[in-house]
Amino acid sequence: MILYRQAECMRDHAEDYLDFVDGFTLVFPGFCEDGLYNPSPAEVAKGTSKNSSGSVAGSSIIDFTTDDRATHEQLSKLSENAKAAAILVTPEMVSCLKDRFDHVSLKRTFRTVDEKEVDVAELIFDLCR
């Protein structure tokens, strides 16, 4: 799962991802909105340092409601820092996201404990086959 806006950005910039995705490639969709599709390790470290700068373990995770976390275990991995998102993709998966977005991206809206709504995308790449 990633934020829905990140999935949309990846779809909209699929060609930029296809320029460097070769085989299984780790991509950071949180940098997409900044126009950075293949960030360097230094850029990733700088952009994700919020998650490791002396915070209590888990404190940078989005605090979804207990019910949502109980029924959707993957929510426990979504960081408040959008740049911390990383997914492993192939060129075929990126092309599928571009061409069949509505079929492989399931949009879900969850609530945080402070009543904010967060749109999340569950990417179901098995449907690309």
C-alpha atoms as a PDB file:
ATOM      1  CA  MET A   1       0.000   0.000   0.000  1.00  0.00           C
ATOM      2  CA  ILE A   2       1.066   3.534  -0.771  1.00  0.00           C
ATOM      3  CA  LEU A   3      -0.729   6.847  -0.637  1.00  0.00           C
ATOM      4  CA  TYR A   4      -3.197   7.150  -3.493  1.00  0.00           C
ATOM      5  CA  ARG A   5      -1.652  10.387  -4.750  1.00  0.00           C
ATOM      6  CA  GLN A   6       1.684   8.547  -5.046  1.00  0.00           C
ATOM      7  CA  ALA A   7       0.089   5.838  -7.185  1.00  0.00           C
ATOM      8  CA  GLU A   8      -1.479   8.504  -9.404  1.00  0.00           C
ATOM      9  CA  CYS A   9       1.867  10.254  -9.767  1.00  0.00           C
ATOM     10  CA  MET A  10       3.562   6.995 -10.725  1.00  0.00           C
ATOM     11  CA  ARG A  11       0.863   6.397 -13.338  1.00  0.00           C
ATOM     12  CA  ASP A  12       1.227   9.919 -14.721  1.00  0.00           C
ATOM     13  CA  HIS A  13       5.021   9.626 -14.881  1.00  0.00           C
ATOM     14  CA  ALA A  14       5.310   5.977 -15.888  1.00  0.00           C
ATOM     15  CA  GLU A  15       7.569   6.861 -18.820  1.00  0.00           C
ATOM     16  CA  ASP A  16      10.009   8.560 -16.424  1.00  0.00           C
ATOM     17  CA  TYR A  17      10.118   5.389 -14.323  1.00  0.00           C
ATOM     18  CA  LEU A  18      10.524   3.201 -17.407  1.00  0.00           C
ATOM     19  CA  ASP A  19      13.676   5.171 -18.273  1.00  0.00           C
ATOM     20  CA  PHE A  20      15.536   3.487 -15.401  1.00  0.00           C
ATOM     21  CA  VAL A  21      13.494   0.516 -14.137  1.00  0.00           C
ATOM     22  CA  ASP A  22      15.293  -2.619 -15.282  1.00  0.00           C
ATOM     23  CA  GLY A  23      14.300  -5.979 -13.842  1.00  0.00           C
ATOM     24  CA  PHE A  24      13.191  -5.683 -10.227  1.00  0.00           C
ATOM     25  CA  THR A  25      13.921  -2.111  -9.153  1.00  0.00           C
ATOM     26  CA  LEU A  26      13.245  -0.332  -5.880  1.00  0.00           C
ATOM     27  CA  VAL A  27      11.414   2.950  -6.484  1.00  0.00           C
ATOM     28  CA  PHE A  28      10.466   5.711  -4.069  1.00  0.00           C
ATOM     29  CA  PRO A  29       7.041   7.055  -5.125  1.00  0.00           C
ATOM     30  CA  GLY A  30       7.114   9.734  -2.418  1.00  0.00           C
ATOM     31  CA  PHE A  31       9.647  11.687  -4.460  1.00  0.00           C
ATOM     32  CA  CYS A  32       7.454  11.635  -7.588  1.00  0.00           C
ATOM     33  CA  GLU A  33       5.514  14.769  -6.680  1.00  0.00           C
ATOM     34  CA  ASP A  34       8.832  16.640  -6.585  1.00  0.00           C
ATOM     35  CA  GLY A  35       9.650  15.458 -10.114  1.00  0.00           C
ATOM     36  CA  LEU A  36      12.354  13.136  -8.797  1.00  0.00           C
ATOM     37  CA  TYR A  37      11.760   9.616 -10.112  1.00  0.00           C
ATOM     38  CA  ASN A  38      15.139   7.979  -9.510  1.00  0.00           C
ATOM     39  CA  PRO A  39      16.541   9.660  -6.389  1.00  0.00           C
ATOM     40  CA  SER A  40      20.142   9.050  -5.429  1.00  0.00           C
ATOM     41  CA  PRO A  41      20.913   7.300  -2.126  1.00  0.00           C
ATOM     42  CA  ALA A  42      21.869  10.692  -0.657  1.00  0.00           C
ATOM     43  CA  GLU A  43      18.519  12.205  -1.720  1.00  0.00           C
ATOM     44  CA  VAL A  44      16.649   9.256  -0.229  1.00  0.00           C
ATOM     45  CA  ALA A  45      18.608   9.551   3.022  1.00  0.00           C
ATOM     46  CA  LYS A  46      17.936  13.274   3.226  1.00  0.00           C
ATOM     47  CA  GLY A  47      14.242  12.909   2.358  1.00  0.00           C
ATOM     48  CA  THR A  48      13.600  10.072   4.806  1.00  0.00           C
ATOM     49  CA  SER A  49      15.784  11.175   7.739  1.00  0.00           C
ATOM     50  CA  LYS A  50      12.659  12.294   9.635  1.00  0.00           C
ATOM     51  CA  ASN A  51      11.993   8.621  10.309  1.00  0.00           C
ATOM     52  CA  SER A  52      15.258   7.941  12.087  1.00  0.00           C
ATOM     53  CA  SER A  53      16.261  11.181  13.805  1.00  0.00           C
ATOM     54  CA  GLY A  54      15.957  10.096  17.407  1.00  0.00           C
ATOM     55  CA  SER A  55      12.240   9.409  17.337  1.00  0.00           C
ATOM     56  CA  VAL A  56      10.616   6.671  19.332  1.00  0.00           C
ATOM     57  CA  ALA A  57      10.224   3.533  17.227  1.00  0.00           C
ATOM     58  CA  GLY A  58       6.988   3.634  15.295  1.00  0.00           C
ATOM     59  CA  SER A  59       6.213   7.261  16.064  1.00  0.00           C
ATOM     60  CA  SER A  60       6.537   8.226  12.414  1.00  0.00           C
ATOM     61  CA  ILE A  61       3.835   5.767  11.318  1.00  0.00           C
ATOM     62  CA  ILE A  62       0.423   7.203  10.388  1.00  0.00           C
ATOM     63  CA  ASP A  63      -1.840   6.553  13.357  1.00  0.00           C
ATOM     64  CA  PHE A  64      -4.893   4.911  11.777  1.00  0.00           C
ATOM     65  CA  THR A  65      -7.848   3.838  13.896  1.00  0.00           C
ATOM     66  CA  THR A  66      -7.527   0.579  15.784  1.00  0.00           C
ATOM     67  CA  ASP A  67     -10.286  -1.028  13.706  1.00  0.00           C
ATOM     68  CA  ASP A  68      -8.625  -0.101  10.402  1.00  0.00           C
ATOM     69  CA  ARG A  69      -5.224  -1.342  11.595  1.00  0.00           C
ATOM     70  CA  ALA A  70      -6.761  -4.598  12.798  1.00  0.00           C
ATOM     71  CA  THR A  71      -8.372  -5.373   9.437  1.00  0.00           C
ATOM     72  CA  HIS A  72      -5.604  -3.981   7.189  1.00  0.00           C
ATOM     73  CA  GLU A  73      -2.232  -4.962   8.585  1.00  0.00           C
ATOM     74  CA  GLN A  74      -0.306  -3.144   5.828  1.00  0.00           C
ATOM     75  CA  LEU A  75      -1.503   0.199   7.190  1.00  0.00           C
ATOM     76  CA  SER A  76       0.984  -0.233  10.024  1.00  0.00           C
ATOM     77  CA  LYS A  77       3.770   0.367   7.497  1.00  0.00           C
ATOM     78  CA  LEU A  78       2.614   3.721   6.092  1.00  0.00           C
ATOM     79  CA  SER A  79       4.848   6.513   7.301  1.00  0.00           C
ATOM     80  CA  GLU A  80       3.810  10.089   8.004  1.00  0.00           C
ATOM     81  CA  ASN A  81       6.774  10.967   5.801  1.00  0.00           C
ATOM     82  CA  ALA A  82       5.511  10.220   2.285  1.00  0.00           C
ATOM     83  CA  LYS A  83       9.074  10.084   0.968  1.00  0.00           C
ATOM     84  CA  ALA A  84       9.722   6.964   3.058  1.00  0.00           C
ATOM     85  CA  ALA A  85       7.543   4.816   0.767  1.00  0.00           C
ATOM     86  CA  ALA A  86       9.408   2.272  -1.335  1.00  0.00           C
ATOM     87  CA  ILE A  87       8.108  -0.439  -3.649  1.00  0.00           C
ATOM     88  CA  LEU A  88       9.763  -3.061  -5.815  1.00  0.00           C
ATOM     89  CA  VAL A  89       8.602  -2.947  -9.443  1.00  0.00           C
ATOM     90  CA  THR A  90       9.473  -4.312 -12.867  1.00  0.00           C
ATOM     91  CA  PRO A  91       9.041  -2.527 -16.214  1.00  0.00           C
ATOM     92  CA  GLU A  92       5.962  -4.675 -16.819  1.00  0.00           C
ATOM     93  CA  MET A  93       4.426  -3.554 -13.529  1.00  0.00           C
ATOM     94  CA  VAL A  94       5.058   0.130 -14.306  1.00  0.00           C
ATOM     95  CA  SER A  95       3.530  -0.289 -17.774  1.00  0.00           C
ATOM     96  CA  CYS A  96       0.529  -2.044 -16.269  1.00  0.00           C
ATOM     97  CA  LEU A  97       0.066   0.750 -13.731  1.00  0.00           C
ATOM     98  CA  LYS A  98       0.111   3.232 -16.598  1.00  0.00           C
ATOM     99  CA  ASP A  99      -2.207   1.305 -18.914  1.00  0.00           C
ATOM    100  CA  ARG A 100      -4.575  -0.386 -16.437  1.00  0.00           C
ATOM    101  CA  PHE A 101      -4.520   1.913 -13.418  1.00  0.00           C
ATOM    102  CA  ASP A 102      -8.219   1.594 -12.599  1.00  0.00           C
ATOM    103  CA  HIS A 103      -7.932  -2.216 -12.624  1.00  0.00           C
ATOM    104  CA  VAL A 104      -4.781  -2.632 -10.532  1.00  0.00           C
ATOM    105  CA  SER A 105      -5.082   0.271  -8.093  1.00  0.00           C
ATOM    106  CA  LEU A 106      -7.733  -0.126  -5.430  1.00  0.00           C
ATOM    107  CA  LYS A 107      -8.472   3.180  -3.723  1.00  0.00           C
ATOM    108  CA  ARG A 108      -9.431   2.985  -0.074  1.00  0.00           C
ATOM    109  CA  THR A 109     -10.045   5.747   2.417  1.00  0.00           C
ATOM    110  CA  PHE A 110      -9.071   5.200   6.035  1.00  0.00           C
ATOM    111  CA  ARG A 111      -9.368   7.412   9.116  1.00  0.00           C
ATOM    112  CA  THR A 112      -6.663   8.408  11.506  1.00  0.00           C
ATOM    113  CA  VAL A 113      -7.286   8.578  15.244  1.00  0.00           C
ATOM    114  CA  ASP A 114      -7.611  12.365  14.919  1.00  0.00           C
ATOM    115  CA  GLU A 115     -10.382  11.916  12.298  1.00  0.00           C
ATOM    116  CA  LYS A 116      -8.379  12.790   9.168  1.00  0.00           C
ATOM    117  CA  GLU A 117      -9.136  10.846   6.016  1.00  0.00           C
ATOM    118  CA  VAL A 118      -6.216   9.291   4.159  1.00  0.00           C
ATOM    119  CA  ASP A 119      -6.604   7.881   0.638  1.00  0.00           C
ATOM    120  CA  VAL A 120      -4.495   4.768   0.169  1.00  0.00           C
ATOM    121  CA  ALA A 121      -3.830   2.683  -2.941  1.00  0.00           C
ATOM    122  CA  GLU A 122      -3.549  -1.056  -2.791  1.00  0.00           C
ATOM    123  CA  LEU A 123      -1.617  -2.004  -5.905  1.00  0.00           C
ATOM    124  CA  ILE A 124      -2.684  -5.428  -7.116  1.00  0.00           C
ATOM    125  CA  PHE A 125      -0.056  -6.250  -9.711  1.00  0.00           C
ATOM    126  CA  ASP A 126      -1.259  -9.867  -9.968  1.00  0.00           C
ATOM    127  CA  LEU A 127      -4.055  -8.466 -12.141  1.00  0.00           C
ATOM    128  CA  CYS A 128      -1.462  -7.434 -14.735  1.00  0.00           C
ATOM    129  CA  ARG A 129      -1.026 -11.004 -15.934  1.00  0.00           C
END
